[in-house]
Each structure stands twice: as structure tokens, then as C-alpha cells.
Amino acid sequence: MAIAVPEPWGSQLQDYRTALGDKTAHGIPTHITLMPPFEVDPEHVPALELHLEEAAARNAVFDVHLRGTGTFRPVSPVVFVTVVRGISQCEQLAFSVRRGPLAAELAFPYHPHVTVAHHLDDDLLDTAFDELSDFECEFRVDHFWLYVHDPDEGWQPTHRFPLSGAAEAATR
């Protein structure tokens, strides 16, 4: 489950990631992760979708502002574009998603971000960090997506979940 970064920025960041040499970039749409990848039995998909509809209904539409870069190095070889507004709303939405049938312990604390370089040599990670340091965009989040992995095409959005909660519901 993820928030897609809209156009033109989604393609711009994905193309940058591909040009940098990230061989997985073509199959990973630009996004803010809400729940890391996991496997689910096909018979559980209807219950999962119902849970995600309920999570969307508990969260209000919000604005995101992306600006500058950050990194998880040395813990993880990742460079990302930083979420500077909408952090708490991303956290609340992720919490709503990652409960009930999707309750799971995360390997790392949740930190909303947009990955732009992953598992590359340090010099390429440094390049991404420097070259995107002045990146900036703003957009409204009014839905999130369920993505399913296709072995040939990569991660594909399969179900859209509109946010419909009242603003005060987003703080629950």
C-alpha cells in the first residue's frame, strides 16, 4: 500500500532513478510507502480490501510537500526525497493500514519518504543526494493504492482507496 507521487513528479523521479542505474526502478512507481511488501493468499484479498476501505474512511485528504534529500546510510543504502509537510498524516494513514489483518512489526521505524536511489554504489548515492537536494513539489493526497507485484511489469496499482474521513478523524 502506498501513496503515488502524481505527475509530472512521479515520472521525473522514476526516470532519474532509472538513469542513475537502479535496475529495479522501471518496476517501482514513485511512491510513499504505507506498508512494506508482503504476501497474501488470494482468498484473503476481499477481507484485505475491506480493511483498506475502512482505513481510507478513517483518514482525511491532506497535502504533501516534498523538498530536498535525506539518507538512511549507514543503516541502509538509500537516498530519498524528504516529506516536509504531511508527515503526521502519512503516519496516521500508515497506522490505519497496518492494524487489524495487516498488523505487523516493521524492520525499521516508519519514516515517510520517496526513495530515489537504493542499493547503488556510494558514489551514485552521493550523486543522487546532491543532484536532488533542490527538488521540491507539493500535491494533495486524496487516495492511496494497493499494489500487486507482477514478475514482468513490477509493482502495479490494482485498487484505489479514496480518503473520506473528516479532518478530526485523521488524528485518531
C-alpha atoms as a PDB file:
ATOM      1  CA  MET A   1       0.000   0.000   0.000  1.00  0.00           C
ATOM      2  CA  ALA A   2       1.383   3.356  -0.992  1.00  0.00           C
ATOM      3  CA  ILE A   3       0.663   6.946  -1.919  1.00  0.00           C
ATOM      4  CA  ALA A   4       1.579   7.507  -5.560  1.00  0.00           C
ATOM      5  CA  VAL A   5       3.562  10.655  -6.320  1.00  0.00           C
ATOM      6  CA  PRO A   6       1.500  12.314  -9.078  1.00  0.00           C
ATOM      7  CA  GLU A   7       2.680  13.551 -12.462  1.00  0.00           C
ATOM      8  CA  PRO A   8       4.835  15.148 -13.554  1.00  0.00           C
ATOM      9  CA  TRP A   9       6.974  14.438 -10.483  1.00  0.00           C
ATOM     10  CA  GLY A  10       6.352  10.687 -10.329  1.00  0.00           C
ATOM     11  CA  SER A  11       7.828  10.093 -13.787  1.00  0.00           C
ATOM     12  CA  GLN A  12      10.564  12.669 -13.226  1.00  0.00           C
ATOM     13  CA  LEU A  13      11.816  10.875 -10.102  1.00  0.00           C
ATOM     14  CA  GLN A  14      11.384   7.396 -11.590  1.00  0.00           C
ATOM     15  CA  ASP A  15      13.295   8.423 -14.736  1.00  0.00           C
ATOM     16  CA  TYR A  16      16.035   9.914 -12.560  1.00  0.00           C
ATOM     17  CA  ARG A  17      16.282   6.683 -10.571  1.00  0.00           C
ATOM     18  CA  THR A  18      16.472   4.644 -13.787  1.00  0.00           C
ATOM     19  CA  ALA A  19      19.129   6.947 -15.322  1.00  0.00           C
ATOM     20  CA  LEU A  20      21.182   6.618 -12.155  1.00  0.00           C
ATOM     21  CA  GLY A  21      21.441   2.889 -12.826  1.00  0.00           C
ATOM     22  CA  ASP A  22      18.913   1.467 -10.374  1.00  0.00           C
ATOM     23  CA  LYS A  23      17.905  -1.685 -12.258  1.00  0.00           C
ATOM     24  CA  THR A  24      14.700  -2.098 -10.215  1.00  0.00           C
ATOM     25  CA  ALA A  25      13.437   1.442 -10.859  1.00  0.00           C
ATOM     26  CA  HIS A  26      11.422   0.636 -14.002  1.00  0.00           C
ATOM     27  CA  GLY A  27       9.147  -1.637 -11.963  1.00  0.00           C
ATOM     28  CA  ILE A  28       8.705   0.628  -8.940  1.00  0.00           C
ATOM     29  CA  PRO A  29       6.336   3.571  -9.385  1.00  0.00           C
ATOM     30  CA  THR A  30       7.359   6.642  -7.383  1.00  0.00           C
ATOM     31  CA  HIS A  31       5.577   6.487  -4.044  1.00  0.00           C
ATOM     32  CA  ILE A  32       5.447   6.996  -0.292  1.00  0.00           C
ATOM     33  CA  THR A  33       5.176   3.557   1.301  1.00  0.00           C
ATOM     34  CA  LEU A  34       2.406   2.955   3.824  1.00  0.00           C
ATOM     35  CA  MET A  35       3.010  -0.793   4.265  1.00  0.00           C
ATOM     36  CA  PRO A  36       6.077  -2.687   3.057  1.00  0.00           C
ATOM     37  CA  PRO A  37       5.574  -5.575   0.613  1.00  0.00           C
ATOM     38  CA  PHE A  38       4.125  -8.804   1.968  1.00  0.00           C
ATOM     39  CA  GLU A  39       2.476 -11.937   0.606  1.00  0.00           C
ATOM     40  CA  VAL A  40      -1.226 -12.623   0.984  1.00  0.00           C
ATOM     41  CA  ASP A  41      -3.290 -15.651  -0.019  1.00  0.00           C
ATOM     42  CA  PRO A  42      -5.735 -14.825  -2.822  1.00  0.00           C
ATOM     43  CA  GLU A  43      -8.646 -15.967  -0.624  1.00  0.00           C
ATOM     44  CA  HIS A  44      -7.804 -13.199   1.874  1.00  0.00           C
ATOM     45  CA  VAL A  45      -7.825 -10.370  -0.684  1.00  0.00           C
ATOM     46  CA  PRO A  46     -11.530  -9.424  -0.202  1.00  0.00           C
ATOM     47  CA  ALA A  47     -11.053  -9.055   3.576  1.00  0.00           C
ATOM     48  CA  LEU A  48      -7.843  -7.111   2.983  1.00  0.00           C
ATOM     49  CA  GLU A  49      -9.616  -4.729   0.596  1.00  0.00           C
ATOM     50  CA  LEU A  50     -12.439  -4.220   3.107  1.00  0.00           C
ATOM     51  CA  HIS A  51      -9.874  -3.374   5.791  1.00  0.00           C
ATOM     52  CA  LEU A  52      -8.203  -0.872   3.438  1.00  0.00           C
ATOM     53  CA  GLU A  53     -11.552   0.750   2.623  1.00  0.00           C
ATOM     54  CA  GLU A  54     -12.106   1.199   6.359  1.00  0.00           C
ATOM     55  CA  ALA A  55      -8.607   2.636   6.788  1.00  0.00           C
ATOM     56  CA  ALA A  56      -9.259   5.122   3.978  1.00  0.00           C
ATOM     57  CA  ALA A  57     -12.569   6.111   5.572  1.00  0.00           C
ATOM     58  CA  ARG A  58     -10.764   6.978   8.833  1.00  0.00           C
ATOM     59  CA  ASN A  59      -8.362   9.415   7.155  1.00  0.00           C
ATOM     60  CA  ALA A  60      -8.945  12.821   5.621  1.00  0.00           C
ATOM     61  CA  VAL A  61      -7.494  14.288   2.448  1.00  0.00           C
ATOM     62  CA  PHE A  62      -4.186  16.077   3.129  1.00  0.00           C
ATOM     63  CA  ASP A  63      -1.351  17.926   1.427  1.00  0.00           C
ATOM     64  CA  VAL A  64       2.202  16.692   0.983  1.00  0.00           C
ATOM     65  CA  HIS A  65       5.242  18.841   0.387  1.00  0.00           C
ATOM     66  CA  LEU A  66       8.414  17.091  -0.761  1.00  0.00           C
ATOM     67  CA  ARG A  67      11.686  19.013  -0.540  1.00  0.00           C
ATOM     68  CA  GLY A  68      15.355  18.119  -0.503  1.00  0.00           C
ATOM     69  CA  THR A  69      17.076  14.829   0.161  1.00  0.00           C
ATOM     70  CA  GLY A  70      17.923  12.551   3.051  1.00  0.00           C
ATOM     71  CA  THR A  71      19.538   9.171   3.532  1.00  0.00           C
ATOM     72  CA  PHE A  72      19.288   6.116   5.736  1.00  0.00           C
ATOM     73  CA  ARG A  73      23.020   5.412   5.402  1.00  0.00           C
ATOM     74  CA  PRO A  74      24.896   3.768   7.020  1.00  0.00           C
ATOM     75  CA  VAL A  75      21.993   1.592   8.221  1.00  0.00           C
ATOM     76  CA  SER A  76      20.530   1.134   4.716  1.00  0.00           C
ATOM     77  CA  PRO A  77      21.907   2.210   1.307  1.00  0.00           C
ATOM     78  CA  VAL A  78      19.008   4.529   0.459  1.00  0.00           C
ATOM     79  CA  VAL A  79      18.742   8.150  -0.646  1.00  0.00           C
ATOM     80  CA  PHE A  80      15.295   9.705  -0.575  1.00  0.00           C
ATOM     81  CA  VAL A  81      13.343  12.891  -1.177  1.00  0.00           C
ATOM     82  CA  THR A  82      12.122  14.199   2.158  1.00  0.00           C
ATOM     83  CA  VAL A  83       8.500  14.691   3.179  1.00  0.00           C
ATOM     84  CA  VAL A  84       8.467  18.109   4.874  1.00  0.00           C
ATOM     85  CA  ARG A  85       4.680  18.560   5.162  1.00  0.00           C
ATOM     86  CA  GLY A  86       2.144  15.789   5.594  1.00  0.00           C
ATOM     87  CA  ILE A  87       4.404  13.668   7.797  1.00  0.00           C
ATOM     88  CA  SER A  88       1.891  13.164  10.601  1.00  0.00           C
ATOM     89  CA  GLN A  89      -0.935  12.444   8.127  1.00  0.00           C
ATOM     90  CA  CYS A  90       1.235   9.840   6.375  1.00  0.00           C
ATOM     91  CA  GLU A  91       1.993   8.314   9.779  1.00  0.00           C
ATOM     92  CA  GLN A  92      -1.700   8.215  10.729  1.00  0.00           C
ATOM     93  CA  LEU A  93      -2.666   6.690   7.380  1.00  0.00           C
ATOM     94  CA  ALA A  94       0.106   4.098   7.636  1.00  0.00           C
ATOM     95  CA  PHE A  95      -1.018   3.261  11.190  1.00  0.00           C
ATOM     96  CA  SER A  96      -4.607   2.818   9.955  1.00  0.00           C
ATOM     97  CA  VAL A  97      -3.390   0.462   7.223  1.00  0.00           C
ATOM     98  CA  ARG A  98      -1.004  -1.531   9.438  1.00  0.00           C
ATOM     99  CA  ARG A  99      -3.513  -2.720  12.019  1.00  0.00           C
ATOM    100  CA  GLY A 100      -6.083  -5.499  12.182  1.00  0.00           C
ATOM    101  CA  PRO A 101      -5.321  -8.078   9.481  1.00  0.00           C
ATOM    102  CA  LEU A 102      -2.187  -6.150   8.472  1.00  0.00           C
ATOM    103  CA  ALA A 103      -0.731  -5.718  11.950  1.00  0.00           C
ATOM    104  CA  ALA A 104       2.970  -6.433  11.644  1.00  0.00           C
ATOM    105  CA  GLU A 105       6.242  -5.448  13.218  1.00  0.00           C
ATOM    106  CA  LEU A 106       8.360  -3.292  10.918  1.00  0.00           C
ATOM    107  CA  ALA A 107      12.084  -3.871  10.482  1.00  0.00           C
ATOM    108  CA  PHE A 108      12.635  -0.103  10.903  1.00  0.00           C
ATOM    109  CA  PRO A 109      10.545   2.703  12.428  1.00  0.00           C
ATOM    110  CA  TYR A 110       8.109   4.193   9.898  1.00  0.00           C
ATOM    111  CA  HIS A 111       9.546   7.264   8.181  1.00  0.00           C
ATOM    112  CA  PRO A 112       7.570   8.615   5.205  1.00  0.00           C
ATOM    113  CA  HIS A 113       9.854   9.350   2.254  1.00  0.00           C
ATOM    114  CA  VAL A 114      10.257   8.863  -1.511  1.00  0.00           C
ATOM    115  CA  THR A 115      13.171   6.586  -2.416  1.00  0.00           C
ATOM    116  CA  VAL A 116      15.273   7.865  -5.341  1.00  0.00           C
ATOM    117  CA  ALA A 117      18.356   5.621  -5.052  1.00  0.00           C
ATOM    118  CA  HIS A 118      18.645   2.194  -3.469  1.00  0.00           C
ATOM    119  CA  HIS A 119      21.394  -0.439  -3.305  1.00  0.00           C
ATOM    120  CA  LEU A 120      23.797   1.540  -5.503  1.00  0.00           C
ATOM    121  CA  ASP A 121      27.488   2.307  -5.046  1.00  0.00           C
ATOM    122  CA  ASP A 122      28.248   5.069  -2.551  1.00  0.00           C
ATOM    123  CA  ASP A 123      29.329   7.492  -5.292  1.00  0.00           C
ATOM    124  CA  LEU A 124      25.942   7.125  -7.022  1.00  0.00           C
ATOM    125  CA  LEU A 125      24.109   7.523  -3.714  1.00  0.00           C
ATOM    126  CA  ASP A 126      26.139  10.699  -3.106  1.00  0.00           C
ATOM    127  CA  THR A 127      25.277  11.930  -6.620  1.00  0.00           C
ATOM    128  CA  ALA A 128      21.541  11.412  -6.026  1.00  0.00           C
ATOM    129  CA  PHE A 129      21.774  13.116  -2.641  1.00  0.00           C
ATOM    130  CA  ASP A 130      23.479  16.159  -4.193  1.00  0.00           C
ATOM    131  CA  GLU A 131      21.609  16.401  -7.508  1.00  0.00           C
ATOM    132  CA  LEU A 132      18.137  16.200  -5.969  1.00  0.00           C
ATOM    133  CA  SER A 133      18.896  18.418  -2.972  1.00  0.00           C
ATOM    134  CA  ASP A 134      16.854  21.232  -4.541  1.00  0.00           C
ATOM    135  CA  PHE A 135      13.944  19.016  -5.652  1.00  0.00           C
ATOM    136  CA  GLU A 136      10.575  20.332  -4.488  1.00  0.00           C
ATOM    137  CA  CYS A 137       6.908  19.645  -5.200  1.00  0.00           C
ATOM    138  CA  GLU A 138       3.541  19.818  -3.479  1.00  0.00           C
ATOM    139  CA  PHE A 139       0.430  17.732  -4.055  1.00  0.00           C
ATOM    140  CA  ARG A 140      -2.848  16.739  -2.455  1.00  0.00           C
ATOM    141  CA  VAL A 141      -3.315  13.170  -1.232  1.00  0.00           C
ATOM    142  CA  ASP A 142      -6.917  12.060  -1.649  1.00  0.00           C
ATOM    143  CA  HIS A 143      -6.326   8.313  -2.070  1.00  0.00           C
ATOM    144  CA  PHE A 144      -3.792   5.526  -1.766  1.00  0.00           C
ATOM    145  CA  TRP A 145      -3.208   2.378  -3.805  1.00  0.00           C
ATOM    146  CA  LEU A 146      -2.912  -1.344  -3.280  1.00  0.00           C
ATOM    147  CA  TYR A 147      -0.011  -2.509  -5.463  1.00  0.00           C
ATOM    148  CA  VAL A 148       0.491  -6.085  -6.614  1.00  0.00           C
ATOM    149  CA  HIS A 149       3.818  -7.358  -7.888  1.00  0.00           C
ATOM    150  CA  ASP A 150       3.896  -8.725 -11.430  1.00  0.00           C
ATOM    151  CA  PRO A 151       7.111 -10.636 -12.239  1.00  0.00           C
ATOM    152  CA  ASP A 152       7.372  -8.977 -15.681  1.00  0.00           C
ATOM    153  CA  GLU A 153       5.949  -5.492 -15.085  1.00  0.00           C
ATOM    154  CA  GLY A 154       6.921  -4.839 -11.459  1.00  0.00           C
ATOM    155  CA  TRP A 155       4.573  -3.190  -8.966  1.00  0.00           C
ATOM    156  CA  GLN A 156       1.161  -2.440 -10.466  1.00  0.00           C
ATOM    157  CA  PRO A 157      -1.610  -0.378  -8.837  1.00  0.00           C
ATOM    158  CA  THR A 158      -4.688  -2.598  -8.631  1.00  0.00           C
ATOM    159  CA  HIS A 159      -7.134  -0.911  -6.277  1.00  0.00           C
ATOM    160  CA  ARG A 160      -7.610   2.767  -5.392  1.00  0.00           C
ATOM    161  CA  PHE A 161      -8.808   3.700  -1.889  1.00  0.00           C
ATOM    162  CA  PRO A 162     -10.228   7.255  -1.622  1.00  0.00           C
ATOM    163  CA  LEU A 163      -9.677   9.058   1.675  1.00  0.00           C
ATOM    164  CA  SER A 164     -13.034  10.131   3.065  1.00  0.00           C
ATOM    165  CA  GLY A 165     -12.550  10.774   6.771  1.00  0.00           C
ATOM    166  CA  ALA A 166     -13.255  14.098   8.418  1.00  0.00           C
ATOM    167  CA  ALA A 167     -10.203  16.172   9.307  1.00  0.00           C
ATOM    168  CA  GLU A 168     -10.609  15.470  13.019  1.00  0.00           C
ATOM    169  CA  ALA A 169     -10.816  11.715  12.295  1.00  0.00           C
ATOM    170  CA  ALA A 170      -7.287  11.835  10.890  1.00  0.00           C
ATOM    171  CA  THR A 171      -5.894  12.472  14.375  1.00  0.00           C
ATOM    172  CA  ARG A 172      -7.316   9.253  15.825  1.00  0.00           C
END
